[in-house]
Amino acid sequence: MKLYIANITCGGCARGVTATIKAIDANANVNIDVEHKMVDLETTQPIQVILDALAEDDFPAEVR
């Protein structure tokens, strides 16, 4: 699935987003395009769990 996260602005943000997702699903496949603010995500966890965790860590995301 693809997520849009408006406030990804740098590699540090990308690492933070990756860490948040990996804390929920250590086996998730996370690829982040900082320039386009897009996250390509493969996870076995419910998307709402991921979205809630990202929002809690100040990275609110939209499914695209």
Protein backbone atom coordinates (compact mmCIF):
# COMPACT_ATOMS: atom_id res chain seq x y z
CA MET A 1 0.00 0.00 0.00
CA LYS A 2 1.06 3.58 -0.46
CA LEU A 3 0.92 6.26 2.21
CA TYR A 4 1.33 10.01 1.79
CA ILE A 5 2.97 11.77 4.75
CA ALA A 6 3.09 15.54 4.22
CA ASN A 7 5.70 16.29 6.87
CA ILE A 8 8.46 13.93 5.70
CA THR A 9 11.17 16.44 4.82
CA CYS A 10 14.47 14.62 5.31
CA GLY A 11 16.26 11.36 5.91
CA GLY A 12 15.78 11.75 9.65
CA CYS A 13 12.02 11.89 9.16
CA ALA A 14 12.22 8.80 6.96
CA ARG A 15 14.16 6.95 9.66
CA GLY A 16 11.56 7.97 12.25
CA VAL A 17 8.69 6.74 10.08
CA THR A 18 10.52 3.48 9.42
CA ALA A 19 11.21 2.99 13.13
CA THR A 20 7.55 3.59 14.01
CA ILE A 21 6.38 1.04 11.46
CA LYS A 22 9.07 -1.52 12.37
CA ALA A 23 8.10 -1.25 16.06
CA ILE A 24 4.68 -2.61 15.06
CA ASP A 25 5.81 -5.04 12.35
CA ALA A 26 9.51 -5.91 12.41
CA ASN A 27 9.10 -7.71 9.09
CA ALA A 28 7.43 -4.81 7.27
CA ASN A 29 8.93 -3.75 3.96
CA VAL A 30 9.21 0.07 4.04
CA ASN A 31 10.45 2.18 1.12
CA ILE A 32 10.27 5.96 1.47
CA ASP A 33 10.49 8.58 -1.27
CA VAL A 34 11.28 11.75 0.69
CA GLU A 35 11.03 14.00 -2.36
CA HIS A 36 7.44 12.93 -3.08
CA LYS A 37 6.56 12.28 0.58
CA MET A 38 5.39 8.76 -0.25
CA VAL A 39 5.83 5.53 1.68
CA ASP A 40 5.49 2.18 -0.08
CA LEU A 41 4.57 -0.27 2.65
CA GLU A 42 4.07 -4.01 2.86
CA THR A 43 2.85 -5.17 6.26
CA THR A 44 0.72 -7.90 7.77
CA GLN A 45 -0.64 -5.51 10.40
CA PRO A 46 -3.99 -3.69 10.07
CA ILE A 47 -3.48 -0.35 8.33
CA GLN A 48 -5.35 1.53 11.05
CA VAL A 49 -2.80 0.37 13.64
CA ILE A 50 -0.01 1.76 11.44
CA LEU A 51 -1.87 5.03 10.79
CA ASP A 52 -2.59 5.52 14.50
CA ALA A 53 1.06 4.92 15.46
CA LEU A 54 2.33 7.30 12.78
CA ALA A 55 -0.12 10.01 13.88
CA GLU A 56 0.95 9.54 17.51
CA ASP A 57 4.56 10.10 16.41
CA ASP A 58 3.63 13.31 14.52
CA PHE A 59 3.64 11.73 11.07
CA PRO A 60 -0.06 11.71 10.12
CA ALA A 61 -0.50 9.64 6.97
CA GLU A 62 -3.11 9.25 4.25
CA VAL A 63 -3.63 6.04 2.30
CA ARG A 64 -3.19 6.70 -1.44
